[in-house]
Every structure is written in C-alpha cells, then in structure tokens.
Amino acid sequence: MGSWIDFFFEPYYSYSTLDIWLEALAVLFGLASVWYAKREHIWVYPTGLISTGIYVYICLMAGLYGDMGINGYYFAMSIYGWYRWTRPGEGAPILPITRLRGREAMLSLGLLLAFFGVLAWVLTSYTDSTVPLIDAFTTSIFFVGMLEMARKKLEHWIYWIIGDIISVPLYFYKGLTLTSFQYLVFLGIAIAGYISWRKSLSVER
C-alpha cells in the first residue's frame, strides 16, 4: 500500500502546506464548476472563477505556461459567460443550446489549429517548458472549448473530452496528482454533460 501512495503522491513531500491546500481548493471548486456546467447552472461561473484564479499560480509554479495562460483566459471568460447566460439580450430568452454546423464548425476548428500553431512556436522558442507541444495543444483545445461553452454550443463538450484525456497523464507527469485525478473526474462529467446537453437539445426541438 505504501508503495502505491508513494507512486502517486511522492511529489507532495517536497511541497509547502500552502501549495497543497491551494491545489486541493482549486480541484474542489473546479469539480463543482464542471458539475454545474453539466446541469446548465449559472454557478458554473463563480466556482470557475475561484478554481482558475488559483490554477494561474499553480501552473506558473509547474512550468505549464500555456495552461497558466488558459486559466487566466478561463477567469476572464467566466465573467463573460456569466454575463451572457444571464443577459442574452433585450427581449430575448435565456441563451439556448445550439450546435456547431457547416461554416461555423470549420471556423471553430480553424481557430483551434491556428492558436495551436502560434502557441507551440511561442512555448518552444521562448520558454523553458519541458512539454511545449502538449501544453500548447491542451491550451488551444480548452481555449476554443471555453469560447463555445459561453455560446452554449453542444460541441464544447467534445473539446473538453479530448483535452481531459490528454491532461490526465500530463499533470501526473508534472507531479500534480490531485489535478490529474481531477481531470479524470472531469472526463466522466464531460461525457455525461455531452449526453445531457444532447438530450436537452432534442427536447428543445
């Protein structure tokens, strides 16, 4: 049993108590935020603000500069999404779930690829990141996923699912086991969220 604990949590032996508590809080509020997203609940945003604010610091310390940036972006987009969900426009109903189709879907994918190309070059050329390409890809896919979530597009869950699959081993490799487990839970919630939103979309039609 001890060997398994060491395998998963040995990196924490060298961390400060404050850093461990900060990661635990970030994980707790991050899980709450994704759960609220699945339920289409407005609390997805305030809980997300707390989690992403903490993760800006955690990713900086871990040398995950792309993920540090994406968490700063999440923070800003949480404010934007909070506003959009509650104020869809004068006389308009609450923003409904819709799908990415045709040209809109191609633009979304194009944005992902363009962002990845630029960020991969920046991280490779100007940082000491040990995982620049993976960091760039997860950052890019979550960037577009957050944008599409704010627009309540069903396909944002697909972006989350792909990003979560990659993030589980990435964060474990960087010694952030709690965050790795968080992304494993995120993966399950994202799959359930996709199914739930797809059912809601069918009902709305």
N, C-alpha and C. Protein backbone atom coordinates (compact mmCIF):
# COMPACT_ATOMS: atom_id res chain seq x y z
N MET A 1 0.83 -1.21 0.00
CA MET A 1 0.00 0.00 0.00
C MET A 1 0.86 1.25 0.00
N GLY A 2 1.92 1.22 0.84
CA GLY A 2 2.79 2.38 0.93
C GLY A 2 3.44 2.72 -0.39
N SER A 3 3.82 1.69 -1.15
CA SER A 3 4.48 1.94 -2.43
C SER A 3 3.54 2.63 -3.41
N TRP A 4 2.25 2.28 -3.37
CA TRP A 4 1.28 2.93 -4.25
C TRP A 4 1.07 4.38 -3.86
N ILE A 5 1.03 4.64 -2.56
CA ILE A 5 0.88 6.03 -2.09
C ILE A 5 2.08 6.85 -2.53
N ASP A 6 3.27 6.27 -2.38
CA ASP A 6 4.48 6.98 -2.80
C ASP A 6 4.46 7.24 -4.30
N PHE A 7 3.98 6.27 -5.07
CA PHE A 7 3.96 6.42 -6.53
C PHE A 7 3.11 7.61 -6.95
N PHE A 8 1.95 7.76 -6.31
CA PHE A 8 1.04 8.82 -6.70
C PHE A 8 1.33 10.16 -6.02
N PHE A 9 1.80 10.12 -4.78
CA PHE A 9 1.88 11.36 -4.00
C PHE A 9 3.28 11.78 -3.55
N GLU A 10 4.31 11.06 -3.97
CA GLU A 10 5.67 11.41 -3.57
C GLU A 10 6.04 12.86 -3.87
N PRO A 11 5.63 13.44 -5.01
CA PRO A 11 5.99 14.84 -5.28
C PRO A 11 5.53 15.80 -4.19
N TYR A 12 4.44 15.47 -3.49
CA TYR A 12 3.90 16.38 -2.48
C TYR A 12 4.76 16.45 -1.23
N TYR A 13 5.65 15.49 -1.05
CA TYR A 13 6.51 15.51 0.13
C TYR A 13 7.39 16.75 0.15
N SER A 14 7.66 17.31 -1.02
CA SER A 14 8.53 18.49 -1.09
C SER A 14 7.73 19.79 -1.23
N TYR A 15 6.40 19.71 -1.27
CA TYR A 15 5.58 20.90 -1.43
C TYR A 15 5.29 21.54 -0.08
N SER A 16 5.04 22.84 -0.09
CA SER A 16 4.63 23.52 1.14
C SER A 16 3.17 23.18 1.44
N THR A 17 2.79 23.30 2.71
CA THR A 17 1.41 23.03 3.10
C THR A 17 0.45 23.96 2.36
N LEU A 18 0.85 25.21 2.18
CA LEU A 18 0.01 26.17 1.47
C LEU A 18 -0.25 25.73 0.04
N ASP A 19 0.79 25.27 -0.66
CA ASP A 19 0.62 24.85 -2.05
C ASP A 19 -0.30 23.63 -2.16
N ILE A 20 -0.19 22.71 -1.21
CA ILE A 20 -1.06 21.53 -1.22
C ILE A 20 -2.52 21.94 -1.02
N TRP A 21 -2.76 22.84 -0.05
CA TRP A 21 -4.12 23.31 0.21
C TRP A 21 -4.67 24.09 -0.98
N LEU A 22 -3.83 24.89 -1.61
CA LEU A 22 -4.28 25.65 -2.77
C LEU A 22 -4.71 24.73 -3.91
N GLU A 23 -3.90 23.69 -4.16
CA GLU A 23 -4.28 22.75 -5.22
C GLU A 23 -5.57 22.03 -4.87
N ALA A 24 -5.71 21.63 -3.59
CA ALA A 24 -6.93 20.94 -3.16
C ALA A 24 -8.16 21.83 -3.35
N LEU A 25 -8.04 23.11 -3.00
CA LEU A 25 -9.16 24.04 -3.18
C LEU A 25 -9.48 24.24 -4.66
N ALA A 26 -8.42 24.36 -5.47
CA ALA A 26 -8.63 24.53 -6.91
C ALA A 26 -9.35 23.33 -7.50
N VAL A 27 -8.97 22.14 -7.05
CA VAL A 27 -9.62 20.91 -7.52
C VAL A 27 -11.08 20.89 -7.10
N LEU A 28 -11.35 21.22 -5.83
CA LEU A 28 -12.72 21.20 -5.30
C LEU A 28 -13.63 22.13 -6.10
N PHE A 29 -13.20 23.37 -6.27
CA PHE A 29 -14.03 24.33 -6.99
C PHE A 29 -14.07 24.03 -8.49
N GLY A 30 -13.01 23.43 -9.02
CA GLY A 30 -13.01 23.04 -10.42
C GLY A 30 -14.03 21.94 -10.70
N LEU A 31 -14.09 20.95 -9.81
CA LEU A 31 -15.08 19.88 -9.95
C LEU A 31 -16.49 20.44 -9.84
N ALA A 32 -16.69 21.36 -8.89
CA ALA A 32 -18.01 21.97 -8.72
C ALA A 32 -18.41 22.72 -9.98
N SER A 33 -17.46 23.44 -10.58
CA SER A 33 -17.76 24.22 -11.77
C SER A 33 -18.19 23.34 -12.94
N VAL A 34 -17.47 22.24 -13.16
CA VAL A 34 -17.82 21.35 -14.26
C VAL A 34 -19.17 20.66 -14.00
N TRP A 35 -19.42 20.33 -12.75
CA TRP A 35 -20.72 19.73 -12.40
C TRP A 35 -21.86 20.70 -12.70
N TYR A 36 -21.67 21.97 -12.34
CA TYR A 36 -22.69 22.97 -12.63
C TYR A 36 -22.85 23.18 -14.13
N ALA A 37 -21.76 23.08 -14.87
CA ALA A 37 -21.84 23.21 -16.33
C ALA A 37 -22.71 22.10 -16.91
N LYS A 38 -22.54 20.89 -16.41
CA LYS A 38 -23.34 19.76 -16.87
C LYS A 38 -24.82 20.02 -16.65
N ARG A 39 -25.14 20.68 -15.54
CA ARG A 39 -26.54 20.95 -15.18
C ARG A 39 -27.06 22.27 -15.75
N GLU A 40 -26.24 22.92 -16.57
CA GLU A 40 -26.60 24.23 -17.14
C GLU A 40 -26.93 25.25 -16.05
N HIS A 41 -26.21 25.20 -14.95
CA HIS A 41 -26.46 26.06 -13.79
C HIS A 41 -25.49 27.24 -13.80
N ILE A 42 -25.99 28.41 -13.46
CA ILE A 42 -25.19 29.63 -13.50
C ILE A 42 -23.99 29.60 -12.56
N TRP A 43 -24.03 28.73 -11.54
CA TRP A 43 -22.91 28.64 -10.60
C TRP A 43 -21.66 28.06 -11.23
N VAL A 44 -21.76 27.60 -12.48
CA VAL A 44 -20.57 27.17 -13.20
C VAL A 44 -19.52 28.28 -13.22
N TYR A 45 -19.96 29.52 -13.26
CA TYR A 45 -19.03 30.64 -13.42
C TYR A 45 -18.37 31.12 -12.12
N PRO A 46 -19.11 31.39 -11.03
CA PRO A 46 -18.41 31.82 -9.81
C PRO A 46 -17.47 30.76 -9.25
N THR A 47 -17.87 29.48 -9.31
CA THR A 47 -16.96 28.43 -8.85
C THR A 47 -15.75 28.33 -9.76
N GLY A 48 -15.98 28.54 -11.05
CA GLY A 48 -14.87 28.53 -12.00
C GLY A 48 -13.89 29.65 -11.77
N LEU A 49 -14.39 30.82 -11.38
CA LEU A 49 -13.51 31.96 -11.10
C LEU A 49 -12.52 31.63 -9.99
N ILE A 50 -13.00 30.98 -8.94
CA ILE A 50 -12.12 30.63 -7.82
C ILE A 50 -11.06 29.62 -8.25
N SER A 51 -11.51 28.55 -8.92
CA SER A 51 -10.59 27.49 -9.34
C SER A 51 -9.53 28.01 -10.31
N THR A 52 -9.95 28.73 -11.33
CA THR A 52 -9.00 29.19 -12.34
C THR A 52 -8.03 30.23 -11.80
N GLY A 53 -8.51 31.05 -10.87
CA GLY A 53 -7.62 32.03 -10.26
C GLY A 53 -6.45 31.36 -9.54
N ILE A 54 -6.76 30.27 -8.82
CA ILE A 54 -5.72 29.52 -8.11
C ILE A 54 -4.80 28.81 -9.10
N TYR A 55 -5.38 28.26 -10.17
CA TYR A 55 -4.58 27.50 -11.13
C TYR A 55 -3.61 28.35 -11.94
N VAL A 56 -3.86 29.63 -12.04
CA VAL A 56 -2.87 30.50 -12.68
C VAL A 56 -1.54 30.39 -11.93
N TYR A 57 -1.62 30.44 -10.61
CA TYR A 57 -0.41 30.33 -9.78
C TYR A 57 0.19 28.92 -9.85
N ILE A 58 -0.66 27.89 -9.74
CA ILE A 58 -0.17 26.51 -9.74
C ILE A 58 0.55 26.17 -11.05
N CYS A 59 -0.02 26.56 -12.17
CA CYS A 59 0.60 26.26 -13.47
C CYS A 59 1.89 27.04 -13.67
N LEU A 60 1.96 28.24 -13.13
CA LEU A 60 3.21 29.01 -13.20
C LEU A 60 4.31 28.27 -12.46
N MET A 61 4.01 27.77 -11.27
CA MET A 61 5.00 27.05 -10.47
C MET A 61 5.42 25.73 -11.14
N ALA A 62 4.49 25.12 -11.91
CA ALA A 62 4.78 23.83 -12.56
C ALA A 62 5.44 24.00 -13.93
N GLY A 63 5.58 25.23 -14.40
CA GLY A 63 6.16 25.47 -15.71
C GLY A 63 5.24 25.14 -16.86
N LEU A 64 3.94 25.10 -16.58
CA LEU A 64 2.95 24.88 -17.64
C LEU A 64 2.40 26.23 -18.07
N TYR A 65 3.19 26.93 -18.87
CA TYR A 65 2.88 28.32 -19.18
C TYR A 65 1.64 28.48 -20.06
N GLY A 66 1.43 27.52 -20.94
CA GLY A 66 0.22 27.56 -21.75
C GLY A 66 -1.02 27.40 -20.89
N ASP A 67 -0.98 26.41 -19.98
CA ASP A 67 -2.11 26.19 -19.09
C ASP A 67 -2.29 27.34 -18.12
N MET A 68 -1.19 28.00 -17.75
CA MET A 68 -1.30 29.20 -16.92
C MET A 68 -2.11 30.27 -17.67
N GLY A 69 -1.77 30.45 -18.94
CA GLY A 69 -2.48 31.43 -19.75
C GLY A 69 -3.94 31.06 -19.95
N ILE A 70 -4.21 29.77 -20.17
CA ILE A 70 -5.58 29.36 -20.41
C ILE A 70 -6.42 29.55 -19.17
N ASN A 71 -5.83 29.37 -17.99
CA ASN A 71 -6.60 29.59 -16.77
C ASN A 71 -6.89 31.07 -16.55
N GLY A 72 -5.96 31.93 -16.97
CA GLY A 72 -6.25 33.36 -16.96
C GLY A 72 -7.38 33.68 -17.92
N TYR A 73 -7.36 33.02 -19.06
CA TYR A 73 -8.44 33.18 -20.05
C TYR A 73 -9.76 32.66 -19.50
N TYR A 74 -9.73 31.47 -18.84
CA TYR A 74 -10.94 30.93 -18.21
C TYR A 74 -11.54 31.96 -17.26
N PHE A 75 -10.65 32.60 -16.49
CA PHE A 75 -11.11 33.57 -15.49
C PHE A 75 -11.90 34.68 -16.18
N ALA A 76 -11.32 35.22 -17.25
CA ALA A 76 -11.99 36.31 -17.97
C ALA A 76 -13.26 35.81 -18.66
N MET A 77 -13.20 34.61 -19.27
CA MET A 77 -14.36 34.08 -19.97
C MET A 77 -15.48 33.68 -19.02
N SER A 78 -15.13 33.36 -17.77
CA SER A 78 -16.16 33.07 -16.77
C SER A 78 -16.99 34.31 -16.49
N ILE A 79 -16.32 35.46 -16.46
CA ILE A 79 -17.05 36.72 -16.27
C ILE A 79 -17.95 36.98 -17.48
N TYR A 80 -17.38 36.78 -18.68
CA TYR A 80 -18.14 36.98 -19.92
C TYR A 80 -19.32 36.01 -20.01
N GLY A 81 -19.06 34.73 -19.73
CA GLY A 81 -20.11 33.73 -19.81
C GLY A 81 -21.21 33.97 -18.79
N TRP A 82 -20.82 34.37 -17.59
CA TRP A 82 -21.78 34.70 -16.54
C TRP A 82 -22.72 35.79 -17.05
N TYR A 83 -22.16 36.80 -17.67
CA TYR A 83 -22.95 37.90 -18.22
C TYR A 83 -23.87 37.42 -19.35
N ARG A 84 -23.31 36.61 -20.27
CA ARG A 84 -24.09 36.15 -21.43
C ARG A 84 -25.26 35.26 -21.01
N TRP A 85 -25.01 34.38 -20.04
CA TRP A 85 -26.06 33.46 -19.63
C TRP A 85 -27.22 34.18 -18.96
N THR A 86 -26.94 35.26 -18.27
CA THR A 86 -27.99 35.96 -17.53
C THR A 86 -28.57 37.14 -18.29
N ARG A 87 -27.86 37.63 -19.32
CA ARG A 87 -28.32 38.78 -20.10
C ARG A 87 -28.17 38.48 -21.59
N PRO A 88 -29.00 37.60 -22.12
CA PRO A 88 -28.85 37.22 -23.53
C PRO A 88 -29.22 38.31 -24.52
N GLY A 89 -29.85 39.36 -24.06
CA GLY A 89 -30.25 40.44 -24.97
C GLY A 89 -31.65 40.91 -24.64
N GLU A 90 -31.93 42.15 -24.93
CA GLU A 90 -33.22 42.73 -24.59
C GLU A 90 -34.35 42.00 -25.30
N GLY A 91 -35.28 41.49 -24.51
CA GLY A 91 -36.43 40.80 -25.06
C GLY A 91 -36.15 39.38 -25.53
N ALA A 92 -34.91 38.93 -25.39
CA ALA A 92 -34.55 37.59 -25.87
C ALA A 92 -34.65 36.58 -24.73
N PRO A 93 -34.93 35.33 -25.04
CA PRO A 93 -34.97 34.31 -24.00
C PRO A 93 -33.56 33.96 -23.53
N ILE A 94 -33.48 33.18 -22.45
CA ILE A 94 -32.18 32.69 -21.98
C ILE A 94 -31.51 31.92 -23.11
N LEU A 95 -30.22 32.12 -23.28
CA LEU A 95 -29.47 31.53 -24.39
C LEU A 95 -29.71 30.02 -24.46
N PRO A 96 -30.18 29.50 -25.60
CA PRO A 96 -30.45 28.07 -25.73
C PRO A 96 -29.21 27.30 -26.16
N ILE A 97 -29.25 25.99 -25.99
CA ILE A 97 -28.20 25.11 -26.51
C ILE A 97 -28.37 25.01 -28.03
N THR A 98 -27.26 25.16 -28.75
CA THR A 98 -27.28 25.00 -30.21
C THR A 98 -26.06 24.17 -30.63
N ARG A 99 -25.99 23.84 -31.92
CA ARG A 99 -24.88 23.02 -32.43
C ARG A 99 -24.00 23.83 -33.37
N LEU A 100 -22.76 23.40 -33.47
CA LEU A 100 -21.85 23.95 -34.47
C LEU A 100 -22.09 23.20 -35.78
N ARG A 101 -22.38 23.95 -36.83
CA ARG A 101 -22.65 23.29 -38.11
C ARG A 101 -21.97 24.04 -39.25
N GLY A 102 -21.61 23.29 -40.28
CA GLY A 102 -21.10 23.88 -41.51
C GLY A 102 -19.93 24.82 -41.32
N ARG A 103 -20.09 26.03 -41.82
CA ARG A 103 -19.02 27.03 -41.80
C ARG A 103 -18.62 27.38 -40.37
N GLU A 104 -19.59 27.43 -39.47
CA GLU A 104 -19.30 27.75 -38.08
C GLU A 104 -18.40 26.70 -37.45
N ALA A 105 -18.64 25.43 -37.74
CA ALA A 105 -17.81 24.35 -37.23
C ALA A 105 -16.39 24.42 -37.80
N MET A 106 -16.27 24.74 -39.09
CA MET A 106 -14.96 24.86 -39.72
C MET A 106 -14.17 26.03 -39.12
N LEU A 107 -14.86 27.12 -38.84
CA LEU A 107 -14.19 28.27 -38.22
C LEU A 107 -13.69 27.92 -36.82
N SER A 108 -14.48 27.16 -36.08
CA SER A 108 -14.09 26.74 -34.74
C SER A 108 -12.83 25.88 -34.79
N LEU A 109 -12.81 24.91 -35.71
CA LEU A 109 -11.65 24.04 -35.87
C LEU A 109 -10.44 24.83 -36.37
N GLY A 110 -10.68 25.76 -37.28
CA GLY A 110 -9.59 26.59 -37.80
C GLY A 110 -8.96 27.44 -36.72
N LEU A 111 -9.79 27.97 -35.83
CA LEU A 111 -9.29 28.76 -34.71
C LEU A 111 -8.42 27.90 -33.80
N LEU A 112 -8.85 26.67 -33.56
CA LEU A 112 -8.07 25.74 -32.74
C LEU A 112 -6.69 25.50 -33.34
N LEU A 113 -6.64 25.19 -34.63
CA LEU A 113 -5.37 24.88 -35.28
C LEU A 113 -4.45 26.10 -35.35
N ALA A 114 -5.02 27.26 -35.62
CA ALA A 114 -4.22 28.48 -35.70
C ALA A 114 -3.63 28.83 -34.34
N PHE A 115 -4.44 28.72 -33.31
CA PHE A 115 -3.97 29.04 -31.97
C PHE A 115 -2.88 28.07 -31.54
N PHE A 116 -3.07 26.78 -31.87
CA PHE A 116 -2.05 25.78 -31.53
C PHE A 116 -0.73 26.10 -32.21
N GLY A 117 -0.78 26.44 -33.49
CA GLY A 117 0.45 26.74 -34.23
C GLY A 117 1.23 27.88 -33.63
N VAL A 118 0.54 28.96 -33.30
CA VAL A 118 1.20 30.13 -32.72
C VAL A 118 1.74 29.82 -31.34
N LEU A 119 0.91 29.17 -30.50
CA LEU A 119 1.33 28.91 -29.13
C LEU A 119 2.47 27.89 -29.07
N ALA A 120 2.44 26.88 -29.92
CA ALA A 120 3.52 25.89 -29.95
C ALA A 120 4.85 26.57 -30.28
N TRP A 121 4.82 27.50 -31.22
CA TRP A 121 6.03 28.24 -31.58
C TRP A 121 6.52 29.09 -30.42
N VAL A 122 5.61 29.78 -29.75
CA VAL A 122 6.00 30.64 -28.62
C VAL A 122 6.60 29.82 -27.49
N LEU A 123 5.92 28.73 -27.10
CA LEU A 123 6.40 27.92 -25.98
C LEU A 123 7.72 27.22 -26.31
N THR A 124 7.89 26.81 -27.54
CA THR A 124 9.13 26.15 -27.95
C THR A 124 10.29 27.13 -28.03
N SER A 125 10.02 28.33 -28.49
CA SER A 125 11.08 29.31 -28.75
C SER A 125 11.43 30.19 -27.56
N TYR A 126 10.46 30.45 -26.69
CA TYR A 126 10.67 31.49 -25.69
C TYR A 126 10.46 31.06 -24.23
N THR A 127 10.23 29.78 -23.98
CA THR A 127 10.07 29.34 -22.59
C THR A 127 10.95 28.12 -22.33
N ASP A 128 11.04 27.76 -21.05
CA ASP A 128 11.79 26.56 -20.67
C ASP A 128 10.86 25.37 -20.46
N SER A 129 9.68 25.41 -21.06
CA SER A 129 8.71 24.33 -20.91
C SER A 129 9.30 23.00 -21.36
N THR A 130 9.05 21.95 -20.57
CA THR A 130 9.52 20.61 -20.92
C THR A 130 8.50 19.86 -21.78
N VAL A 131 7.31 20.41 -21.91
CA VAL A 131 6.25 19.77 -22.70
C VAL A 131 5.54 20.82 -23.57
N PRO A 132 6.28 21.55 -24.40
CA PRO A 132 5.67 22.69 -25.12
C PRO A 132 4.55 22.31 -26.08
N LEU A 133 4.69 21.22 -26.82
CA LEU A 133 3.66 20.87 -27.80
C LEU A 133 2.38 20.38 -27.14
N ILE A 134 2.54 19.54 -26.11
CA ILE A 134 1.35 19.05 -25.40
C ILE A 134 0.67 20.20 -24.67
N ASP A 135 1.46 21.04 -24.02
CA ASP A 135 0.92 22.20 -23.32
C ASP A 135 0.17 23.11 -24.30
N ALA A 136 0.75 23.31 -25.47
CA ALA A 136 0.12 24.16 -26.49
C ALA A 136 -1.20 23.55 -26.98
N PHE A 137 -1.22 22.23 -27.15
CA PHE A 137 -2.44 21.61 -27.67
C PHE A 137 -3.57 21.64 -26.65
N THR A 138 -3.28 21.28 -25.39
CA THR A 138 -4.34 21.31 -24.38
C THR A 138 -4.83 22.74 -24.17
N THR A 139 -3.91 23.69 -24.17
CA THR A 139 -4.31 25.09 -24.02
C THR A 139 -5.23 25.51 -25.16
N SER A 140 -4.89 25.14 -26.38
CA SER A 140 -5.68 25.53 -27.55
C SER A 140 -7.06 24.90 -27.54
N ILE A 141 -7.12 23.63 -27.20
CA ILE A 141 -8.42 22.95 -27.24
C ILE A 141 -9.34 23.44 -26.13
N PHE A 142 -8.76 23.76 -24.97
CA PHE A 142 -9.58 24.31 -23.89
C PHE A 142 -9.98 25.76 -24.19
N PHE A 143 -9.11 26.49 -24.89
CA PHE A 143 -9.42 27.87 -25.28
C PHE A 143 -10.69 27.91 -26.14
N VAL A 144 -10.72 27.08 -27.17
CA VAL A 144 -11.88 27.06 -28.06
C VAL A 144 -13.09 26.45 -27.34
N GLY A 145 -12.85 25.44 -26.50
CA GLY A 145 -13.94 24.83 -25.76
C GLY A 145 -14.65 25.82 -24.84
N MET A 146 -13.87 26.67 -24.17
CA MET A 146 -14.46 27.66 -23.28
C MET A 146 -15.27 28.68 -24.07
N LEU A 147 -14.75 29.08 -25.22
CA LEU A 147 -15.48 30.02 -26.07
C LEU A 147 -16.82 29.44 -26.50
N GLU A 148 -16.80 28.17 -26.90
CA GLU A 148 -18.04 27.54 -27.36
C GLU A 148 -18.99 27.25 -26.20
N MET A 149 -18.46 27.04 -25.00
CA MET A 149 -19.33 26.85 -23.84
C MET A 149 -20.08 28.14 -23.54
N ALA A 150 -19.39 29.29 -23.62
CA ALA A 150 -20.03 30.58 -23.36
C ALA A 150 -21.15 30.83 -24.37
N ARG A 151 -21.01 30.24 -25.57
CA ARG A 151 -22.05 30.37 -26.60
C ARG A 151 -23.07 29.24 -26.52
N LYS A 152 -22.90 28.35 -25.53
CA LYS A 152 -23.77 27.20 -25.29
C LYS A 152 -23.87 26.29 -26.51
N LYS A 153 -22.72 25.98 -27.10
CA LYS A 153 -22.64 25.05 -28.21
C LYS A 153 -22.43 23.64 -27.67
N LEU A 154 -23.22 22.69 -28.14
CA LEU A 154 -23.12 21.31 -27.68
C LEU A 154 -21.70 20.76 -27.82
N GLU A 155 -21.04 21.10 -28.92
CA GLU A 155 -19.74 20.51 -29.23
C GLU A 155 -18.62 20.95 -28.30
N HIS A 156 -18.89 21.94 -27.43
CA HIS A 156 -17.82 22.32 -26.50
C HIS A 156 -17.44 21.15 -25.61
N TRP A 157 -18.41 20.23 -25.36
CA TRP A 157 -18.10 19.06 -24.54
C TRP A 157 -17.10 18.14 -25.24
N ILE A 158 -17.13 18.08 -26.55
CA ILE A 158 -16.17 17.25 -27.28
C ILE A 158 -14.76 17.80 -27.11
N TYR A 159 -14.63 19.13 -27.16
CA TYR A 159 -13.33 19.74 -26.89
C TYR A 159 -12.86 19.38 -25.48
N TRP A 160 -13.77 19.48 -24.51
CA TRP A 160 -13.39 19.16 -23.12
C TRP A 160 -12.93 17.71 -23.01
N ILE A 161 -13.67 16.80 -23.62
CA ILE A 161 -13.35 15.37 -23.52
C ILE A 161 -11.94 15.09 -24.04
N ILE A 162 -11.61 15.62 -25.20
CA ILE A 162 -10.28 15.40 -25.77
C ILE A 162 -9.20 16.02 -24.87
N GLY A 163 -9.44 17.25 -24.42
CA GLY A 163 -8.47 17.91 -23.55
C GLY A 163 -8.27 17.19 -22.23
N ASP A 164 -9.36 16.67 -21.66
CA ASP A 164 -9.27 15.95 -20.39
C ASP A 164 -8.46 14.67 -20.53
N ILE A 165 -8.66 13.95 -21.63
CA ILE A 165 -7.92 12.70 -21.86
C ILE A 165 -6.41 12.97 -21.87
N ILE A 166 -6.01 14.06 -22.48
CA ILE A 166 -4.59 14.41 -22.55
C ILE A 166 -4.07 14.95 -21.23
N SER A 167 -4.91 15.68 -20.50
CA SER A 167 -4.46 16.34 -19.26
C SER A 167 -4.22 15.37 -18.12
N VAL A 168 -4.90 14.24 -18.10
CA VAL A 168 -4.70 13.27 -17.01
C VAL A 168 -3.23 12.86 -16.90
N PRO A 169 -2.61 12.32 -17.97
CA PRO A 169 -1.19 11.96 -17.85
C PRO A 169 -0.26 13.17 -17.78
N LEU A 170 -0.65 14.29 -18.39
CA LEU A 170 0.21 15.48 -18.38
C LEU A 170 0.43 15.99 -16.96
N TYR A 171 -0.64 16.14 -16.20
CA TYR A 171 -0.50 16.67 -14.84
C TYR A 171 0.15 15.66 -13.90
N PHE A 172 -0.07 14.37 -14.15
CA PHE A 172 0.62 13.37 -13.35
C PHE A 172 2.12 13.45 -13.59
N TYR A 173 2.50 13.62 -14.84
CA TYR A 173 3.92 13.75 -15.20
C TYR A 173 4.55 14.96 -14.53
N LYS A 174 3.77 16.04 -14.37
CA LYS A 174 4.29 17.26 -13.75
C LYS A 174 4.21 17.23 -12.23
N GLY A 175 3.82 16.09 -11.65
CA GLY A 175 3.80 15.96 -10.19
C GLY A 175 2.59 16.54 -9.51
N LEU A 176 1.52 16.80 -10.25
CA LEU A 176 0.29 17.36 -9.69
C LEU A 176 -0.80 16.28 -9.73
N THR A 177 -0.65 15.30 -8.82
CA THR A 177 -1.52 14.13 -8.84
C THR A 177 -2.98 14.48 -8.58
N LEU A 178 -3.24 15.39 -7.64
CA LEU A 178 -4.62 15.78 -7.35
C LEU A 178 -5.29 16.36 -8.60
N THR A 179 -4.55 17.18 -9.31
CA THR A 179 -5.09 17.77 -10.53
C THR A 179 -5.28 16.72 -11.62
N SER A 180 -4.39 15.74 -11.68
CA SER A 180 -4.54 14.64 -12.62
C SER A 180 -5.83 13.87 -12.35
N PHE A 181 -6.09 13.57 -11.08
CA PHE A 181 -7.33 12.89 -10.71
C PHE A 181 -8.55 13.76 -11.03
N GLN A 182 -8.38 15.08 -10.84
CA GLN A 182 -9.47 16.00 -11.16
C GLN A 182 -9.85 15.88 -12.63
N TYR A 183 -8.86 15.83 -13.51
CA TYR A 183 -9.15 15.73 -14.93
C TYR A 183 -9.76 14.39 -15.30
N LEU A 184 -9.46 13.36 -14.51
CA LEU A 184 -10.11 12.07 -14.74
C LEU A 184 -11.60 12.17 -14.43
N VAL A 185 -11.91 12.87 -13.33
CA VAL A 185 -13.32 13.11 -12.99
C VAL A 185 -13.96 14.02 -14.03
N PHE A 186 -13.22 15.06 -14.44
CA PHE A 186 -13.71 15.96 -15.49
C PHE A 186 -14.13 15.18 -16.73
N LEU A 187 -13.33 14.17 -17.07
CA LEU A 187 -13.61 13.37 -18.26
C LEU A 187 -14.97 12.70 -18.15
N GLY A 188 -15.22 12.09 -16.99
CA GLY A 188 -16.51 11.43 -16.78
C GLY A 188 -17.66 12.43 -16.83
N ILE A 189 -17.46 13.59 -16.19
CA ILE A 189 -18.51 14.62 -16.18
C ILE A 189 -18.73 15.16 -17.59
N ALA A 190 -17.65 15.33 -18.34
CA ALA A 190 -17.78 15.87 -19.70
C ALA A 190 -18.57 14.91 -20.60
N ILE A 191 -18.32 13.62 -20.45
CA ILE A 191 -19.07 12.64 -21.23
C ILE A 191 -20.55 12.69 -20.85
N ALA A 192 -20.81 12.73 -19.53
CA ALA A 192 -22.20 12.82 -19.06
C ALA A 192 -22.83 14.14 -19.49
N GLY A 193 -22.03 15.23 -19.46
CA GLY A 193 -22.53 16.54 -19.86
C GLY A 193 -22.93 16.56 -21.32
N TYR A 194 -22.13 15.94 -22.16
CA TYR A 194 -22.45 15.88 -23.59
C TYR A 194 -23.78 15.15 -23.80
N ILE A 195 -23.94 14.03 -23.12
CA ILE A 195 -25.18 13.26 -23.25
C ILE A 195 -26.37 14.07 -22.75
N SER A 196 -26.20 14.74 -21.60
CA SER A 196 -27.27 15.54 -21.02
C SER A 196 -27.68 16.71 -21.92
N TRP A 197 -26.68 17.44 -22.43
CA TRP A 197 -26.97 18.59 -23.30
C TRP A 197 -27.61 18.13 -24.62
N ARG A 198 -27.18 16.99 -25.12
CA ARG A 198 -27.76 16.48 -26.37
C ARG A 198 -29.23 16.13 -26.18
N LYS A 199 -29.55 15.56 -25.00
CA LYS A 199 -30.95 15.25 -24.70
C LYS A 199 -31.76 16.54 -24.57
N SER A 200 -31.17 17.55 -23.90
CA SER A 200 -31.87 18.83 -23.75
C SER A 200 -32.12 19.48 -25.11
N LEU A 201 -31.14 19.36 -25.99
CA LEU A 201 -31.29 19.92 -27.33
C LEU A 201 -32.43 19.25 -28.09
N SER A 202 -32.55 17.94 -27.93
CA SER A 202 -33.63 17.20 -28.59
C SER A 202 -34.99 17.61 -28.05
N VAL A 203 -35.07 17.84 -26.73
CA VAL A 203 -36.32 18.25 -26.10
C VAL A 203 -36.72 19.64 -26.57
N GLU A 204 -35.72 20.56 -26.65
CA GLU A 204 -36.00 21.93 -27.07
C GLU A 204 -36.55 21.97 -28.49
N ARG A 205 -36.10 21.03 -29.31
CA ARG A 205 -36.59 20.98 -30.69
C ARG A 205 -38.01 20.43 -30.76
